[in-house]
C-alpha cells in the first residue's frame, strides 16, 4: 500500500513518492530530528512475511552501509516503524542520466567526465568485494554542480569467497515492471544493460558491472543503446548474439576510449576488461590526448592508432591498459612523465608454493611469466590469458624463473638443476646442476645463482658447462639474489646468517663485492632480496615492504635514507627454510608485477579456515595466531588446534564449530603439540614436555580430570601421536630419533608398545586410521630431501599388520594422507610447491585397488611441506579444515592469488625517491 504525504514513520515524514522498484517503493521524506530531506526505501507488505525476501532487504542495507564514497548514494540507516521496514538513504537531487541522454547525445568531454566518476564509484565498490549488478542510466544521478552519484546497488553482494553459482545472484531488485521478468530463473533488471552471463542466469561478478559500464558509456556517446529490441526477448537475444554498431561513435573519440568501449562489451568475460581501474586510467588520460588525436576512420573494427601494431583486438584488460599507456607515451610532451596504471589478473592454475621466487617479467616489459600447477606460464601484454609453456611440465614444481636478456627464453630451477626453455616451448635444456637456489639472474655474461649446498654465488653459461664461483660466503651464511652491476665489475647480493634465528632474512645484509679485488662493502644493514634498477635505485625487502634508496654502483655509495615504496608484498617464509624472496619482478622499461601479501612478516600468523573441494573457503571467526596443527573430532563438531610460537608456548586448544569466536585452552604450563582425538571424541592425546621428556599424554577434551601419561620415550627420543583407532583401543605414534621416524603402536588400556608394520621414514609418517579402523594410510620417504623415488610415497597397510603393503599412485613427493569419511578415497599432497591436494579412489575388497587421480584446488596447509607434520584435516562432510597465511583467507581459491601489475612504475619511484 502506497504511503500518502504527511504519513509519519518514526522521525520521518513522507513528502512524496519518488518511484518504485522490485524491492519496494521509494519516498522523499523529511528527517524531523536532523532537519534534512532523505529518501526512504520501503519493503512492500507482502515481503515482510517472506523470510528470504526480508533477508535480501537486510543484506542490501549491510552492503550499502559499507560504501562511503562521494560518487555513491549513501545509506544513513535501516529502521522500522509502524510495521514498516525501510532504508534511510541519501536524497540525491538532480537529473537522472537516462533523462539527460533523452535530451540528446552528450558531448565527448562531458560524457568522459561522467564516465570517470561512474568508474570511480565502481572501483570503490569492487575494492570492497561489492558488485552493483544493475548499473544503468536510470540508476545514475547528475547533480547541478556536475557531481555524479551511482544509486541503488540493490542486492549487490559482498563476495567474501565467490559468487554462488545461482541464477539468483544475477537478479536485480530494481526492476519496476513485472513484464521484464523472463519466467524460468526470473532474471530481473533492465535487459539492455545485462551482461551475457546475467542474461543466461549465471553468477555475476565485477566484470558484469564493467559490461554495464560499457553500455552506459556507449549510450552517452551515441544517444542509443548498444543492445535493444522491441521486447525483452529481442533485447536479450541481441545481448547474447548481436554486436553493437560502432559507426555512431564520435569521429574525434580517442582511440583508447573506442577500444575501451569495445573491450568492456566483449561477450566472453574472460576477454573483457577485467578491472574498472583500466577504464579509470583510460578516462583520466583521454582528455589530455583528445586535442592531439586526429579523427579516426569509423569502422566496426578497432580504429587505426599509434599502437595497433603492438596490440591485438580481443585482448582485454592488458590490451587496453597497454594501448592507453603507449598512446600517452607516443603523444606526451618531452617533459611530461609517463602515466602510471595499475591492474591485476588471476593466474591460470594455482601458483606454486612460496619457497623461492615465482614471478618474472621480460626486460622489455611485454611478457609476464609465473609458476603454477608445476608448469611455467607466460602471457604477453597483447594477450588476455596466459598459456603454459609446452615442455615445462615437471614432477617437481619449478622455482625462480628469469627471462634471458632478449626475452626469448626462461631459466628456472627444477629437479636439482638450473634449466632453460624457449618461451615458445620445447625440451628444457639442463644448464648446470644445483639445489634450489636463493635467486637467479640472467645477463649478457651468463646465469647467476646462489645455491644452498655450496654457499656463495656462481655463474654458468646458458649453454652449459662448469659453474664459475664469483663470491664465497662463510659457513652458516647464505647468499641470495645475485646481480652484476657497474658494467659487470661488481656483484650485488644479500647475505643471511642461520644464527640470526627465525627472522634471519630481515636481519640480512645487502652487500656489494668487487669482482677483481674481492673486497666487499655493506650497503644496507637490515634487508634482503636486493635489485638494482636502471633508474639508479636499489630496492630491497624488509618484512612485507619494499624500500628504495638512491645508489651509485660505480662509486659504491647509497645516497639518502631508504624510503618505503611498495607496501604489502608477498614474501617467502622469512625465517626457517624459506628463501626470504619478495614476490615481485621489474622490467627495464619500468613495469612492475608482484603478489600482494601482509606488511608484517615477522611471525607466521595464520587463519583457521574451512574449504570445500572447489577451493571455496571461509575463515573461522577466531583470532589469527601461530597455529600449526588442526584435527577434527569424529563427529565434526570440534577442533583440536595446536599453536606454537617457536619459543616459550606450545598450546592445545579446543574449538567448537558452529560460530564460536573463542577457543578454550586445554593445556597449561607446558609445551604441548600434535593433538589427536579419541574415536569417541571424549579425549585428546598430545605430545608434552610436562615431565621433562617428549612423551604422549591424554586429557579429556572438556578439561575435566587429570592429564595422564600414555608413553615414555627413551633418552634422545620424541614421541609424536599420529592417529587414534576408531574403537579407542590403540594409538599409533612416531618415535623420532634424530632424522628418522619409526611407527609404533601403544595400547590405551595397558600402555604396552610395539613397532608397527616395519615403517620407517626420513620425514614425518603422518599415519591415519581408515574410518572402519581396518587400514592404515601413511607416507614414507627413505631418503627425504625432496627427492622423488619409487620407494617414497603414500601407502596403506592392514591393521593389525599382516606384511601386506600397497602403494597409492605415485605423483611426486606424495605426503600427508587422509581418508575420506566413507573410507573409499585417499587424499594426499603430491608437492609442497603447489600445496594442492589430490584424490584417488581406493577399494579394499575383495582386493586392494586404486582409482583415477583427481586434483583438488583447496590449499589449507599453510605451505607446510613433507618435512613438517600435517597441518590440516578432513571433516565428515568432506570439507577440509586447516591453516592459511594471514591475508590469503579472503581469496576465493586458496593459492589463486591475484597478480598485480603496474605499468610505468619507475615514474612513481623516481617521484618518491629522487636520485639527485
Foldseek 3Di string as FASTA:
>chain_A
DDDDAQDDFDQWTFHAWDAAWLQATKTWIARNVVGDIWIKGWGDPVQVVPVVSVVLVVQVQVLQQVDDDQQAWHWDDWDGGPRITITTTHDDDADFQVVVLVVHAADPLLLLLQLLSVLVRLQRSVVQQWALLADDSRQWGADPVGHIHGYCSRSTHNQLFHFDFFLVQNAGTGARDQQLFDPVSRRHYDLLQFALCNLVSTHDGNLRVLSSSLQRSVCNQQSDGQFDDPGNVRRSCCNNDNGGQQQSGDQLQPLLVSLLSVQSSDNPSLLHADGSLLVNQLSVCRVVCSVVDDGWDGDPFRTDDPCPVPADRSAYNLRSNVVSQVRCVVPPDPPDAGDKGKDWDWADAFAWAFLAAFWEAAQVRFKIWGWHPLFIWMDGSRHSHIDTAAQRHDLAHWHAWYAANVRQKIWIDDDQFIWMAGSNHDHIHGAGGADHFQHWYHYPVAIKTAGDVQGAIWGTHNVHDDIDGQTHDDPQKTWHHWDADPVRQKIWIKIFGLVVAQQGQQQIFIWIAGRPVRDIDTAGRGFHNWDQAPQQWIWTDHQQWIWIFHADVVVGHTDDDIDTDDAFFDFFRSGDSGSRHTHKYAHNQAKIKTFGHHRGNPFQWWFKWWAFLQQFIATAQEDIAQWFAWEAAQQRQKIWIWHDRPPFEIWTWIDGPDRDHYIHTQDPDWHWDQWEAALVRQKIKTFTCPPPAGFIWMDTNVNDDDIGTQDDDDPQWHWHWAEAANVRFKTWIWIDHPQKTFIKIAGRPPSDIDGALRAMASAFWNWYAFLNRFKIKTWHHNPDPQADDPPTAIWMATPRGDNDIGGADQRGRHGNWAAANVRQKIKTDNHLGSQWIKIWGWDPPPHTDIHDIDTGQHHAQCSDDRRDHGHKYAGNVGMIIHIHGPPQSSYNHRSRGMMMMMRNNVSVVCVVHPND
